[in-house]
Structures are given as structure tokens and as C-alpha cells.
Amino acid sequence: MPITHDPDFSPSIAQLVAAFNCCADGHAMTDVIEAAANMLSAALHNYGAASGMTRDEVMELAQEACRGVIANVQINWERQRQATDVEVRSN
């Protein structure tokens, strides 16, 4: 079954998620969650450092990201594939 995403969702982000899903396939879910959390924290750190943000600013960004994770869990909890979804294609 092809991986799909809502057409309003960035194709680039959908491709990254699809690639991570392929890497995560077969691993324990707790390991996948920990790896994803480590990737998020590394991305926040790298983005903050490259942008000249202070530690407090990066921490605020991390809190915002966590709120987004919680919102996405709620939104996608029972989401079914939609007729308007588009297939995620690799570059």
C-alpha cells in the first residue's frame, strides 16, 4: 500500500516521514519513539544554533513543537485514508 498524505500537508515533510517509516520498520515501537524524539531534539538544537537563538528561545520552540505533536496525535488518532490524499513519491 503506498504511503499517502493530505494534499494540504507538505510533500517534503511527507517524504521525510515516509523515509523514517521505512527505516523504523521492524524496530520496537519504543525504540522508534525514542529515535524520533532524539531527531526532534537534535533538529531543534541545530536550528536554534544556526539561527542564533538563545537556549530559552530554543526551549520555547521545543514546547511549541511538543504541543504540535500532541495536536497531531489527537487529529490523526482515528484518521482514515481520504479520497483526496495523494501518494508520497520519493525524489
C-alpha atoms as a PDB file:
ATOM      1  CA  MET A   1       0.000   0.000   0.000  1.00  0.00           C
ATOM      2  CA  PRO A   2       1.502   3.386  -0.925  1.00  0.00           C
ATOM      3  CA  ILE A   3       2.008   5.964   1.786  1.00  0.00           C
ATOM      4  CA  THR A   4      -0.303   8.930   1.303  1.00  0.00           C
ATOM      5  CA  HIS A   5      -0.728  12.354   2.809  1.00  0.00           C
ATOM      6  CA  ASP A   6      -3.313  15.083   2.893  1.00  0.00           C
ATOM      7  CA  PRO A   7      -2.739  17.412  -0.075  1.00  0.00           C
ATOM      8  CA  ASP A   8      -2.518  20.359   2.342  1.00  0.00           C
ATOM      9  CA  PHE A   9       0.469  18.676   4.046  1.00  0.00           C
ATOM     10  CA  SER A  10       3.928  19.495   2.696  1.00  0.00           C
ATOM     11  CA  PRO A  11       5.144  16.833   0.220  1.00  0.00           C
ATOM     12  CA  SER A  12       8.688  17.354   1.501  1.00  0.00           C
ATOM     13  CA  ILE A  13       7.668  16.594   5.077  1.00  0.00           C
ATOM     14  CA  ALA A  14       5.607  13.613   3.907  1.00  0.00           C
ATOM     15  CA  GLN A  15       8.682  12.242   2.100  1.00  0.00           C
ATOM     16  CA  LEU A  16      10.802  12.604   5.243  1.00  0.00           C
ATOM     17  CA  VAL A  17       8.154  10.846   7.330  1.00  0.00           C
ATOM     18  CA  ALA A  18       7.901   8.064   4.739  1.00  0.00           C
ATOM     19  CA  ALA A  19      11.694   7.622   4.777  1.00  0.00           C
ATOM     20  CA  PHE A  20      11.726   7.466   8.571  1.00  0.00           C
ATOM     21  CA  ASN A  21       8.888   4.915   8.488  1.00  0.00           C
ATOM     22  CA  CYS A  22      10.961   2.729   6.165  1.00  0.00           C
ATOM     23  CA  CYS A  23      13.971   2.973   8.497  1.00  0.00           C
ATOM     24  CA  ALA A  24      11.807   2.254  11.531  1.00  0.00           C
ATOM     25  CA  ASP A  25      10.092  -0.782  10.012  1.00  0.00           C
ATOM     26  CA  GLY A  26      10.725  -3.853  12.146  1.00  0.00           C
ATOM     27  CA  HIS A  27      12.044  -1.981  15.182  1.00  0.00           C
ATOM     28  CA  ALA A  28      10.377  -1.906  18.588  1.00  0.00           C
ATOM     29  CA  MET A  29       7.880   0.950  18.857  1.00  0.00           C
ATOM     30  CA  THR A  30       9.604   2.293  21.978  1.00  0.00           C
ATOM     31  CA  ASP A  31      12.881   2.479  20.028  1.00  0.00           C
ATOM     32  CA  VAL A  32      11.115   4.281  17.170  1.00  0.00           C
ATOM     33  CA  ILE A  33       9.610   6.820  19.578  1.00  0.00           C
ATOM     34  CA  GLU A  34      12.966   7.413  21.262  1.00  0.00           C
ATOM     35  CA  ALA A  35      14.722   7.804  17.900  1.00  0.00           C
ATOM     36  CA  ALA A  36      12.085  10.279  16.734  1.00  0.00           C
ATOM     37  CA  ALA A  37      12.408  12.263  19.967  1.00  0.00           C
ATOM     38  CA  ASN A  38      16.199  12.347  19.591  1.00  0.00           C
ATOM     39  CA  MET A  39      15.848  13.525  15.984  1.00  0.00           C
ATOM     40  CA  LEU A  40      13.468  16.276  17.107  1.00  0.00           C
ATOM     41  CA  SER A  41      15.776  17.476  19.877  1.00  0.00           C
ATOM     42  CA  ALA A  42      18.800  17.436  17.541  1.00  0.00           C
ATOM     43  CA  ALA A  43      16.867  19.338  14.880  1.00  0.00           C
ATOM     44  CA  LEU A  44      15.735  21.941  17.414  1.00  0.00           C
ATOM     45  CA  HIS A  45      19.284  22.358  18.698  1.00  0.00           C
ATOM     46  CA  ASN A  46      20.773  22.646  15.205  1.00  0.00           C
ATOM     47  CA  TYR A  47      18.080  25.051  14.036  1.00  0.00           C
ATOM     48  CA  GLY A  48      18.445  27.184  17.147  1.00  0.00           C
ATOM     49  CA  ALA A  49      22.234  27.285  16.940  1.00  0.00           C
ATOM     50  CA  ALA A  50      22.178  28.122  13.221  1.00  0.00           C
ATOM     51  CA  SER A  51      19.596  30.842  13.822  1.00  0.00           C
ATOM     52  CA  GLY A  52      21.471  32.420  16.735  1.00  0.00           C
ATOM     53  CA  MET A  53      18.673  31.647  19.174  1.00  0.00           C
ATOM     54  CA  THR A  54      19.227  31.590  22.919  1.00  0.00           C
ATOM     55  CA  ARG A  55      18.705  28.432  24.962  1.00  0.00           C
ATOM     56  CA  ASP A  56      15.431  29.850  26.308  1.00  0.00           C
ATOM     57  CA  GLU A  57      14.207  30.600  22.779  1.00  0.00           C
ATOM     58  CA  VAL A  58      15.009  27.048  21.697  1.00  0.00           C
ATOM     59  CA  MET A  59      13.213  25.705  24.764  1.00  0.00           C
ATOM     60  CA  GLU A  60      10.125  27.735  23.799  1.00  0.00           C
ATOM     61  CA  LEU A  61      10.371  26.310  20.286  1.00  0.00           C
ATOM     62  CA  ALA A  62      10.627  22.797  21.779  1.00  0.00           C
ATOM     63  CA  GLN A  63       7.486  23.403  23.846  1.00  0.00           C
ATOM     64  CA  GLU A  64       5.677  24.607  20.727  1.00  0.00           C
ATOM     65  CA  ALA A  65       6.835  21.509  18.837  1.00  0.00           C
ATOM     66  CA  CYS A  66       5.578  19.251  21.636  1.00  0.00           C
ATOM     67  CA  ARG A  67       2.186  20.966  21.546  1.00  0.00           C
ATOM     68  CA  GLY A  68       2.152  20.253  17.798  1.00  0.00           C
ATOM     69  CA  VAL A  69       2.943  16.589  18.408  1.00  0.00           C
ATOM     70  CA  ILE A  70       0.063  16.323  20.875  1.00  0.00           C
ATOM     71  CA  ALA A  71      -2.296  18.058  18.430  1.00  0.00           C
ATOM     72  CA  ASN A  72      -1.244  15.719  15.609  1.00  0.00           C
ATOM     73  CA  VAL A  73      -1.838  12.648  17.768  1.00  0.00           C
ATOM     74  CA  GLN A  74      -5.349  13.894  18.506  1.00  0.00           C
ATOM     75  CA  ILE A  75      -6.063  14.781  14.866  1.00  0.00           C
ATOM     76  CA  ASN A  76      -4.727  11.521  13.453  1.00  0.00           C
ATOM     77  CA  TRP A  77      -5.996   9.161  16.165  1.00  0.00           C
ATOM     78  CA  GLU A  78      -8.802   7.762  14.024  1.00  0.00           C
ATOM     79  CA  ARG A  79      -7.994   9.360  10.680  1.00  0.00           C
ATOM     80  CA  GLN A  80      -8.882   7.175   7.738  1.00  0.00           C
ATOM     81  CA  ARG A  81      -7.304   7.468   4.314  1.00  0.00           C
ATOM     82  CA  GLN A  82      -9.146  10.175   2.392  1.00  0.00           C
ATOM     83  CA  ALA A  83     -10.063  10.186  -1.280  1.00  0.00           C
ATOM     84  CA  THR A  84      -8.186  13.478  -1.611  1.00  0.00           C
ATOM     85  CA  ASP A  85      -4.901  12.038  -0.188  1.00  0.00           C
ATOM     86  CA  VAL A  86      -2.003  11.977  -2.599  1.00  0.00           C
ATOM     87  CA  GLU A  87       0.737   9.353  -2.842  1.00  0.00           C
ATOM     88  CA  VAL A  88       4.112  10.196  -1.332  1.00  0.00           C
ATOM     89  CA  ARG A  89       6.771   9.880  -4.006  1.00  0.00           C
ATOM     90  CA  SER A  90      10.489   9.762  -3.432  1.00  0.00           C
ATOM     91  CA  ASN A  91      12.755  12.155  -5.317  1.00  0.00           C
END
